[in-house]
């Protein structure tokens, strides 16, 4: 006789197997990959500028503005925007989704700028 499970349980096996859906639509690897790609893209041109003889101080000052803007600023803007939309509209936008969209936008913007100046 099995004493661990009741014979006439009111809880069906389907509700016991209920799984929670993933909180974020975007896999963590894609988020991390876009963040690294944004960092690499934002730093890409500075090595070339130094190789052709630009002043180190000028290059570092430019990098001190551009790199944080694209790697931190744009994703932070999207994250803050998602928090505001969550509060005002009552939606539920996950943090990882907002950050991924921010890094994707930053990468596209940098590639667009690189293409227009090449």
N, C-alpha and C. Protein backbone atom coordinates (compact mmCIF):
# COMPACT_ATOMS: atom_id res chain seq x y z
N UNK A 1 0.84 -1.17 0.00
CA UNK A 1 0.00 0.00 0.00
C UNK A 1 0.89 1.24 0.00
N UNK A 2 0.55 2.19 -0.87
CA UNK A 2 1.33 3.41 -0.99
C UNK A 2 0.75 4.46 -0.07
N UNK A 3 1.49 4.84 0.96
CA UNK A 3 1.00 5.82 1.92
C UNK A 3 1.49 7.23 1.63
N UNK A 4 2.35 7.37 0.62
CA UNK A 4 2.92 8.70 0.33
C UNK A 4 1.97 9.57 -0.48
N UNK A 5 1.17 9.00 -1.34
CA UNK A 5 0.24 9.79 -2.14
C UNK A 5 -1.18 9.34 -1.85
N UNK A 6 -2.08 10.25 -1.65
CA UNK A 6 -3.46 9.87 -1.39
C UNK A 6 -4.10 9.26 -2.63
N UNK A 7 -5.04 8.38 -2.43
CA UNK A 7 -5.68 7.67 -3.53
C UNK A 7 -6.54 8.61 -4.37
N UNK A 8 -7.24 9.53 -3.74
CA UNK A 8 -8.13 10.45 -4.45
C UNK A 8 -7.65 11.88 -4.23
N UNK A 9 -6.59 12.22 -4.88
CA UNK A 9 -6.02 13.55 -4.71
C UNK A 9 -6.82 14.56 -5.53
N UNK A 10 -7.08 15.72 -4.94
CA UNK A 10 -7.82 16.76 -5.65
C UNK A 10 -6.90 17.57 -6.56
N UNK A 11 -5.59 17.41 -6.41
CA UNK A 11 -4.63 18.11 -7.24
C UNK A 11 -4.24 17.20 -8.39
N UNK A 12 -4.47 17.68 -9.59
CA UNK A 12 -4.13 16.86 -10.75
C UNK A 12 -2.64 16.90 -11.01
N UNK A 13 -2.17 15.91 -11.74
CA UNK A 13 -0.74 15.85 -12.03
C UNK A 13 -0.32 16.98 -12.97
N UNK A 14 -1.26 17.52 -13.74
CA UNK A 14 -0.93 18.61 -14.65
C UNK A 14 -0.58 19.88 -13.89
N UNK A 15 -1.29 20.17 -12.80
CA UNK A 15 -0.98 21.39 -12.06
C UNK A 15 0.29 21.23 -11.25
N UNK A 16 0.66 20.01 -10.91
CA UNK A 16 1.91 19.80 -10.18
C UNK A 16 3.10 20.02 -11.10
N UNK A 17 2.94 19.74 -12.40
CA UNK A 17 4.02 19.90 -13.36
C UNK A 17 4.06 21.30 -13.96
N UNK A 18 3.27 22.18 -13.45
CA UNK A 18 3.20 23.53 -13.99
C UNK A 18 4.55 24.21 -13.86
N UNK A 19 5.07 24.66 -14.99
CA UNK A 19 6.37 25.32 -14.99
C UNK A 19 6.17 26.80 -15.25
N UNK A 20 7.07 27.56 -14.68
CA UNK A 20 7.02 29.00 -14.90
C UNK A 20 7.67 29.32 -16.24
N UNK A 21 7.07 30.22 -17.00
CA UNK A 21 7.71 30.62 -18.26
C UNK A 21 8.97 31.42 -17.96
N UNK A 22 9.90 31.44 -18.89
CA UNK A 22 11.11 32.23 -18.65
C UNK A 22 10.76 33.70 -18.49
N UNK A 23 11.45 34.35 -17.57
CA UNK A 23 11.13 35.75 -17.28
C UNK A 23 11.54 36.68 -18.42
N UNK A 24 12.58 36.33 -19.13
CA UNK A 24 13.07 37.19 -20.19
C UNK A 24 12.96 36.46 -21.52
N UNK A 25 12.61 37.19 -22.56
CA UNK A 25 12.52 36.60 -23.88
C UNK A 25 13.89 36.40 -24.51
N UNK A 26 14.86 37.16 -24.06
CA UNK A 26 16.18 37.14 -24.65
C UNK A 26 17.10 36.25 -23.82
N UNK A 27 17.80 35.31 -24.46
CA UNK A 27 18.76 34.50 -23.71
C UNK A 27 19.91 35.35 -23.16
N UNK A 28 20.44 34.92 -22.04
CA UNK A 28 21.50 35.68 -21.37
C UNK A 28 22.74 35.81 -22.25
N UNK A 29 23.03 34.79 -23.04
CA UNK A 29 24.20 34.84 -23.92
C UNK A 29 24.12 35.94 -24.96
N UNK A 30 22.93 36.17 -25.49
CA UNK A 30 22.76 37.25 -26.48
C UNK A 30 22.95 38.61 -25.82
N UNK A 31 22.44 38.76 -24.61
CA UNK A 31 22.61 40.03 -23.90
C UNK A 31 24.08 40.31 -23.64
N UNK A 32 24.80 39.31 -23.15
CA UNK A 32 26.23 39.49 -22.86
C UNK A 32 27.00 39.71 -24.16
N UNK A 33 26.65 38.98 -25.20
CA UNK A 33 27.33 39.14 -26.49
C UNK A 33 27.15 40.53 -27.06
N UNK A 34 25.94 41.07 -26.97
CA UNK A 34 25.72 42.43 -27.47
C UNK A 34 26.46 43.47 -26.64
N UNK A 35 26.55 43.24 -25.33
CA UNK A 35 27.30 44.17 -24.48
C UNK A 35 28.78 44.16 -24.85
N UNK A 36 29.34 43.00 -25.06
CA UNK A 36 30.76 42.90 -25.45
C UNK A 36 30.97 43.49 -26.84
N UNK A 37 30.04 43.21 -27.75
CA UNK A 37 30.15 43.75 -29.10
C UNK A 37 30.07 45.28 -29.10
N UNK A 38 29.22 45.84 -28.25
CA UNK A 38 29.14 47.30 -28.14
C UNK A 38 30.45 47.87 -27.62
N UNK A 39 31.07 47.19 -26.67
CA UNK A 39 32.35 47.65 -26.13
C UNK A 39 33.44 47.57 -27.21
N UNK A 40 33.49 46.46 -27.94
CA UNK A 40 34.50 46.31 -28.99
C UNK A 40 34.30 47.34 -30.10
N UNK A 41 33.05 47.54 -30.51
CA UNK A 41 32.79 48.54 -31.55
C UNK A 41 33.16 49.95 -31.10
N UNK A 42 32.86 50.26 -29.84
CA UNK A 42 33.15 51.62 -29.38
C UNK A 42 34.66 51.87 -29.24
N UNK A 43 35.43 50.81 -29.04
CA UNK A 43 36.88 50.96 -28.91
C UNK A 43 37.63 50.73 -30.22
N UNK A 44 36.94 50.26 -31.25
CA UNK A 44 37.59 49.80 -32.47
C UNK A 44 38.43 50.86 -33.17
N UNK A 45 37.93 52.04 -33.30
CA UNK A 45 38.63 53.05 -34.08
C UNK A 45 39.81 53.70 -33.39
N UNK A 46 39.88 53.59 -32.08
CA UNK A 46 40.91 54.33 -31.36
C UNK A 46 42.31 53.77 -31.59
N UNK A 47 42.43 52.48 -31.76
CA UNK A 47 43.74 51.89 -32.08
C UNK A 47 44.26 52.40 -33.41
N UNK A 48 43.36 52.51 -34.39
CA UNK A 48 43.75 53.02 -35.70
C UNK A 48 44.14 54.49 -35.61
N UNK A 49 43.41 55.25 -34.82
CA UNK A 49 43.75 56.67 -34.68
C UNK A 49 45.12 56.84 -34.04
N UNK A 50 45.43 55.98 -33.06
CA UNK A 50 46.75 56.06 -32.43
C UNK A 50 47.85 55.61 -33.39
N UNK A 51 47.56 54.61 -34.23
CA UNK A 51 48.57 54.13 -35.18
C UNK A 51 48.91 55.18 -36.23
N UNK A 52 47.95 55.99 -36.63
CA UNK A 52 48.25 56.99 -37.66
C UNK A 52 48.83 58.26 -37.08
N UNK A 53 48.96 58.32 -35.75
CA UNK A 53 49.68 59.43 -35.15
C UNK A 53 48.86 60.50 -34.48
N UNK A 54 47.59 60.27 -34.22
CA UNK A 54 46.80 61.24 -33.47
C UNK A 54 47.33 61.37 -32.05
N UNK A 55 47.15 62.53 -31.47
CA UNK A 55 47.60 62.79 -30.11
C UNK A 55 46.86 61.88 -29.13
N UNK A 56 47.61 61.27 -28.20
CA UNK A 56 47.03 60.34 -27.23
C UNK A 56 46.00 61.03 -26.35
N UNK A 57 46.25 62.25 -25.94
CA UNK A 57 45.31 62.98 -25.09
C UNK A 57 43.98 63.23 -25.78
N UNK A 58 44.04 63.59 -27.04
CA UNK A 58 42.81 63.85 -27.80
C UNK A 58 42.02 62.55 -27.96
N UNK A 59 42.71 61.46 -28.27
CA UNK A 59 42.05 60.17 -28.45
C UNK A 59 41.42 59.72 -27.14
N UNK A 60 42.12 59.86 -26.03
CA UNK A 60 41.58 59.43 -24.74
C UNK A 60 40.39 60.28 -24.30
N UNK A 61 40.44 61.59 -24.56
CA UNK A 61 39.29 62.44 -24.22
C UNK A 61 38.06 62.06 -25.04
N UNK A 62 38.28 61.78 -26.32
CA UNK A 62 37.16 61.37 -27.17
C UNK A 62 36.61 60.02 -26.72
N UNK A 63 37.49 59.09 -26.39
CA UNK A 63 37.07 57.75 -25.94
C UNK A 63 36.35 57.84 -24.59
N UNK A 64 36.76 58.77 -23.74
CA UNK A 64 36.12 58.91 -22.43
C UNK A 64 34.67 59.38 -22.54
N UNK A 65 34.31 59.97 -23.67
CA UNK A 65 32.93 60.41 -23.88
C UNK A 65 32.15 59.35 -24.67
N UNK A 66 32.73 58.86 -25.73
CA UNK A 66 32.01 57.98 -26.65
C UNK A 66 31.76 56.60 -26.06
N UNK A 67 32.77 55.98 -25.47
CA UNK A 67 32.63 54.61 -24.97
C UNK A 67 31.54 54.51 -23.90
N UNK A 68 31.56 55.33 -22.84
CA UNK A 68 30.47 55.22 -21.85
C UNK A 68 29.09 55.57 -22.42
N UNK A 69 29.05 56.47 -23.39
CA UNK A 69 27.76 56.83 -23.98
C UNK A 69 27.11 55.63 -24.65
N UNK A 70 27.88 54.91 -25.45
CA UNK A 70 27.32 53.80 -26.19
C UNK A 70 27.22 52.51 -25.36
N UNK A 71 28.16 52.28 -24.47
CA UNK A 71 28.17 51.02 -23.72
C UNK A 71 27.28 51.10 -22.48
N UNK A 72 27.18 52.26 -21.85
CA UNK A 72 26.39 52.38 -20.61
C UNK A 72 25.17 53.28 -20.80
N UNK A 73 25.36 54.42 -21.46
CA UNK A 73 24.30 55.43 -21.54
C UNK A 73 23.06 54.99 -22.28
N UNK A 74 23.21 54.47 -23.49
CA UNK A 74 22.05 54.08 -24.28
C UNK A 74 21.30 52.92 -23.63
N UNK A 75 21.98 51.84 -23.17
CA UNK A 75 21.22 50.79 -22.47
C UNK A 75 20.57 51.28 -21.18
N UNK A 76 21.22 52.18 -20.47
CA UNK A 76 20.63 52.73 -19.26
C UNK A 76 19.38 53.54 -19.58
N UNK A 77 19.41 54.27 -20.69
CA UNK A 77 18.24 55.01 -21.14
C UNK A 77 17.07 54.07 -21.43
N UNK A 78 17.34 52.96 -22.11
CA UNK A 78 16.28 51.99 -22.40
C UNK A 78 15.77 51.36 -21.11
N UNK A 79 16.66 51.05 -20.18
CA UNK A 79 16.24 50.45 -18.91
C UNK A 79 15.36 51.42 -18.11
N UNK A 80 15.78 52.68 -18.03
CA UNK A 80 14.95 53.67 -17.32
C UNK A 80 13.61 53.87 -18.01
N UNK A 81 13.62 53.86 -19.33
CA UNK A 81 12.37 53.96 -20.07
C UNK A 81 11.44 52.79 -19.80
N UNK A 82 12.01 51.59 -19.69
CA UNK A 82 11.17 50.42 -19.39
C UNK A 82 10.60 50.50 -17.97
N UNK A 83 11.37 51.03 -17.03
CA UNK A 83 10.87 51.20 -15.66
C UNK A 83 9.70 52.19 -15.64
N UNK A 84 9.83 53.29 -16.40
CA UNK A 84 8.76 54.29 -16.44
C UNK A 84 7.51 53.71 -17.10
N UNK A 85 7.68 52.98 -18.19
CA UNK A 85 6.53 52.38 -18.85
C UNK A 85 5.87 51.34 -17.94
N UNK A 86 6.69 50.60 -17.20
CA UNK A 86 6.12 49.63 -16.26
C UNK A 86 5.27 50.32 -15.20
N UNK A 87 5.73 51.46 -14.70
CA UNK A 87 4.98 52.17 -13.66
C UNK A 87 3.73 52.85 -14.22
N UNK A 88 3.88 53.52 -15.37
CA UNK A 88 2.78 54.32 -15.91
C UNK A 88 1.72 53.44 -16.56
N UNK A 89 2.14 52.54 -17.42
CA UNK A 89 1.20 51.73 -18.19
C UNK A 89 0.85 50.41 -17.52
N UNK A 90 1.59 50.03 -16.49
CA UNK A 90 1.33 48.76 -15.83
C UNK A 90 1.83 47.55 -16.60
N UNK A 91 2.73 47.75 -17.54
CA UNK A 91 3.30 46.64 -18.29
C UNK A 91 4.38 45.95 -17.47
N UNK A 92 4.90 44.87 -18.00
CA UNK A 92 5.97 44.16 -17.30
C UNK A 92 7.10 43.88 -18.28
N UNK A 93 7.95 44.88 -18.49
CA UNK A 93 9.10 44.74 -19.38
C UNK A 93 10.28 44.34 -18.51
N UNK A 94 10.87 43.20 -18.82
CA UNK A 94 11.99 42.70 -18.04
C UNK A 94 13.25 43.54 -18.26
N UNK A 95 14.07 43.59 -17.24
CA UNK A 95 15.31 44.37 -17.29
C UNK A 95 16.23 43.88 -18.41
N UNK A 96 16.40 42.56 -18.52
CA UNK A 96 17.31 42.03 -19.53
C UNK A 96 16.83 42.37 -20.94
N UNK A 97 15.52 42.34 -21.16
CA UNK A 97 15.00 42.70 -22.48
C UNK A 97 15.30 44.15 -22.81
N UNK A 98 15.13 45.04 -21.83
CA UNK A 98 15.38 46.46 -22.06
C UNK A 98 16.87 46.72 -22.31
N UNK A 99 17.73 46.08 -21.52
CA UNK A 99 19.17 46.27 -21.71
C UNK A 99 19.63 45.71 -23.05
N UNK A 100 19.10 44.56 -23.45
CA UNK A 100 19.47 43.98 -24.74
C UNK A 100 19.06 44.89 -25.89
N UNK A 101 17.87 45.45 -25.80
CA UNK A 101 17.43 46.38 -26.84
C UNK A 101 18.32 47.62 -26.85
N UNK A 102 18.75 48.08 -25.68
CA UNK A 102 19.65 49.22 -25.61
C UNK A 102 21.00 48.94 -26.26
N UNK A 103 21.59 47.77 -25.96
CA UNK A 103 22.88 47.42 -26.57
C UNK A 103 22.74 47.16 -28.06
N UNK A 104 21.63 46.58 -28.48
CA UNK A 104 21.39 46.39 -29.92
C UNK A 104 21.29 47.74 -30.63
N UNK A 105 20.57 48.67 -30.04
CA UNK A 105 20.45 50.00 -30.62
C UNK A 105 21.80 50.71 -30.66
N UNK A 106 22.59 50.55 -29.61
CA UNK A 106 23.92 51.17 -29.57
C UNK A 106 24.82 50.59 -30.66
N UNK A 107 24.78 49.27 -30.85
CA UNK A 107 25.60 48.64 -31.89
C UNK A 107 25.18 49.10 -33.27
N UNK A 108 23.88 49.15 -33.52
CA UNK A 108 23.40 49.61 -34.83
C UNK A 108 23.78 51.07 -35.05
N UNK A 109 23.66 51.89 -34.03
CA UNK A 109 24.02 53.30 -34.17
C UNK A 109 25.52 53.46 -34.46
N UNK A 110 26.35 52.70 -33.77
CA UNK A 110 27.79 52.80 -34.03
C UNK A 110 28.14 52.32 -35.43
N UNK A 111 27.52 51.22 -35.87
CA UNK A 111 27.79 50.74 -37.23
C UNK A 111 27.31 51.74 -38.27
N UNK A 112 26.18 52.39 -38.01
CA UNK A 112 25.67 53.40 -38.92
C UNK A 112 26.64 54.59 -38.99
N UNK A 113 27.13 55.02 -37.82
CA UNK A 113 28.09 56.13 -37.80
C UNK A 113 29.39 55.76 -38.49
N UNK A 114 29.86 54.54 -38.25
CA UNK A 114 31.09 54.09 -38.91
C UNK A 114 30.91 54.04 -40.43
N UNK A 115 29.76 53.61 -40.87
CA UNK A 115 29.50 53.53 -42.30
C UNK A 115 29.39 54.89 -42.94
N UNK A 116 28.83 55.84 -42.22
CA UNK A 116 28.68 57.17 -42.81
C UNK A 116 29.98 57.94 -42.83
N UNK A 117 30.93 57.62 -41.97
CA UNK A 117 32.22 58.32 -41.94
C UNK A 117 33.33 57.56 -42.67
N UNK A 118 33.02 56.41 -43.23
CA UNK A 118 34.10 55.66 -43.91
C UNK A 118 34.21 56.03 -45.36
